[in-house]
Amino acid sequence: MKTITFKAIEFPSAFAALQHAEATGGSAILLDARNFVLATDEVDRIAAAGVEFAHLVDHEMPDGEYRIMTIPVN
């Protein structure tokens, strides 16, 4: 098992992480069932290292409702 460290802020919910990322310009991700916000260069670095995670995104449905969706990486 490989260990990698990264600089991030953890949030109790995906919604809170998305709000913070939108306000600060960071990226919200889901990693090991935990919600984080990282700088974009940190996200690129852990993706290049082969870490499995998912981007968190706010998606507008046809009826105007928003849902949080995940986009898997690696």
C-alpha atoms as a PDB file:
ATOM      1  CA  MET A   1       0.000   0.000   0.000  1.00  0.00           C
ATOM      2  CA  LYS A   2       1.308   3.419  -0.996  1.00  0.00           C
ATOM      3  CA  THR A   3       0.815   6.475   1.224  1.00  0.00           C
ATOM      4  CA  ILE A   4       0.478   9.970  -0.176  1.00  0.00           C
ATOM      5  CA  THR A   5      -0.004  13.185   1.755  1.00  0.00           C
ATOM      6  CA  PHE A   6      -1.875  16.188   0.446  1.00  0.00           C
ATOM      7  CA  LYS A   7      -2.936  19.603   1.645  1.00  0.00           C
ATOM      8  CA  ALA A   8      -6.733  19.909   2.000  1.00  0.00           C
ATOM      9  CA  ILE A   9      -9.621  21.057   4.155  1.00  0.00           C
ATOM     10  CA  GLU A  10     -12.126  18.376   5.191  1.00  0.00           C
ATOM     11  CA  PHE A  11     -15.867  19.108   5.321  1.00  0.00           C
ATOM     12  CA  PRO A  12     -18.744  17.205   6.955  1.00  0.00           C
ATOM     13  CA  SER A  13     -20.793  17.131   3.733  1.00  0.00           C
ATOM     14  CA  ALA A  14     -20.400  17.295  -0.021  1.00  0.00           C
ATOM     15  CA  PHE A  15     -22.635  20.374  -0.049  1.00  0.00           C
ATOM     16  CA  ALA A  16     -20.364  22.238   2.403  1.00  0.00           C
ATOM     17  CA  ALA A  17     -17.287  21.248   0.391  1.00  0.00           C
ATOM     18  CA  LEU A  18     -18.861  22.476  -2.862  1.00  0.00           C
ATOM     19  CA  GLN A  19     -19.863  25.793  -1.282  1.00  0.00           C
ATOM     20  CA  HIS A  20     -16.330  26.358   0.036  1.00  0.00           C
ATOM     21  CA  ALA A  21     -14.727  25.374  -3.277  1.00  0.00           C
ATOM     22  CA  GLU A  22     -16.978  27.786  -5.152  1.00  0.00           C
ATOM     23  CA  ALA A  23     -16.126  30.607  -2.746  1.00  0.00           C
ATOM     24  CA  THR A  24     -12.366  29.995  -2.735  1.00  0.00           C
ATOM     25  CA  GLY A  25     -11.695  28.661  -6.218  1.00  0.00           C
ATOM     26  CA  GLY A  26     -10.609  25.232  -4.980  1.00  0.00           C
ATOM     27  CA  SER A  27     -11.798  21.815  -6.116  1.00  0.00           C
ATOM     28  CA  ALA A  28     -14.209  19.656  -4.102  1.00  0.00           C
ATOM     29  CA  ILE A  29     -13.467  15.937  -4.102  1.00  0.00           C
ATOM     30  CA  LEU A  30     -14.705  12.749  -2.465  1.00  0.00           C
ATOM     31  CA  LEU A  31     -11.864  10.527  -1.236  1.00  0.00           C
ATOM     32  CA  ASP A  32     -12.325   7.466   0.954  1.00  0.00           C
ATOM     33  CA  ALA A  33     -15.918   8.565   1.760  1.00  0.00           C
ATOM     34  CA  ARG A  34     -14.631  11.945   2.998  1.00  0.00           C
ATOM     35  CA  ASN A  35     -15.286  15.388   1.483  1.00  0.00           C
ATOM     36  CA  PHE A  36     -12.283  17.618   0.837  1.00  0.00           C
ATOM     37  CA  VAL A  37     -11.441  20.901  -0.854  1.00  0.00           C
ATOM     38  CA  LEU A  38      -7.989  21.116  -2.431  1.00  0.00           C
ATOM     39  CA  ALA A  39      -6.146  23.565  -4.620  1.00  0.00           C
ATOM     40  CA  THR A  40      -6.288  22.569  -8.292  1.00  0.00           C
ATOM     41  CA  ASP A  41      -2.568  21.760  -8.408  1.00  0.00           C
ATOM     42  CA  GLU A  42      -3.008  19.365  -5.452  1.00  0.00           C
ATOM     43  CA  VAL A  43      -5.858  17.604  -7.282  1.00  0.00           C
ATOM     44  CA  ASP A  44      -3.665  17.247 -10.380  1.00  0.00           C
ATOM     45  CA  ARG A  45      -0.808  15.889  -8.257  1.00  0.00           C
ATOM     46  CA  ILE A  46      -2.857  13.190  -6.528  1.00  0.00           C
ATOM     47  CA  ALA A  47      -4.496  12.218  -9.833  1.00  0.00           C
ATOM     48  CA  ALA A  48      -1.051  11.847 -11.430  1.00  0.00           C
ATOM     49  CA  ALA A  49      -0.009   9.659  -8.476  1.00  0.00           C
ATOM     50  CA  GLY A  50      -2.864   7.272  -9.300  1.00  0.00           C
ATOM     51  CA  VAL A  51      -5.048   8.053  -6.272  1.00  0.00           C
ATOM     52  CA  GLU A  52      -8.690   7.025  -6.750  1.00  0.00           C
ATOM     53  CA  PHE A  53     -11.149   9.807  -5.929  1.00  0.00           C
ATOM     54  CA  ALA A  54     -14.122  11.617  -7.432  1.00  0.00           C
ATOM     55  CA  HIS A  55     -14.724  15.261  -8.256  1.00  0.00           C
ATOM     56  CA  LEU A  56     -17.863  16.666  -6.632  1.00  0.00           C
ATOM     57  CA  VAL A  57     -20.001  18.785  -8.954  1.00  0.00           C
ATOM     58  CA  ASP A  58     -23.336  20.601  -8.715  1.00  0.00           C
ATOM     59  CA  HIS A  59     -25.482  19.470 -11.643  1.00  0.00           C
ATOM     60  CA  GLU A  60     -28.666  21.261 -12.675  1.00  0.00           C
ATOM     61  CA  MET A  61     -31.437  18.846 -13.581  1.00  0.00           C
ATOM     62  CA  PRO A  62     -33.968  19.630 -16.383  1.00  0.00           C
ATOM     63  CA  ASP A  63     -36.536  20.673 -13.757  1.00  0.00           C
ATOM     64  CA  GLY A  64     -34.099  23.248 -12.315  1.00  0.00           C
ATOM     65  CA  GLU A  65     -33.272  21.210  -9.218  1.00  0.00           C
ATOM     66  CA  TYR A  66     -29.590  20.805  -8.348  1.00  0.00           C
ATOM     67  CA  ARG A  67     -28.012  17.481  -7.438  1.00  0.00           C
ATOM     68  CA  ILE A  68     -24.495  16.720  -6.304  1.00  0.00           C
ATOM     69  CA  MET A  69     -22.838  14.265  -8.663  1.00  0.00           C
ATOM     70  CA  THR A  70     -19.447  12.586  -8.664  1.00  0.00           C
ATOM     71  CA  ILE A  71     -16.991  12.185 -11.518  1.00  0.00           C
ATOM     72  CA  PRO A  72     -14.571   9.301 -10.839  1.00  0.00           C
ATOM     73  CA  VAL A  73     -10.825   9.744 -11.360  1.00  0.00           C
ATOM     74  CA  ASN A  74      -8.409   6.829 -11.737  1.00  0.00           C
END
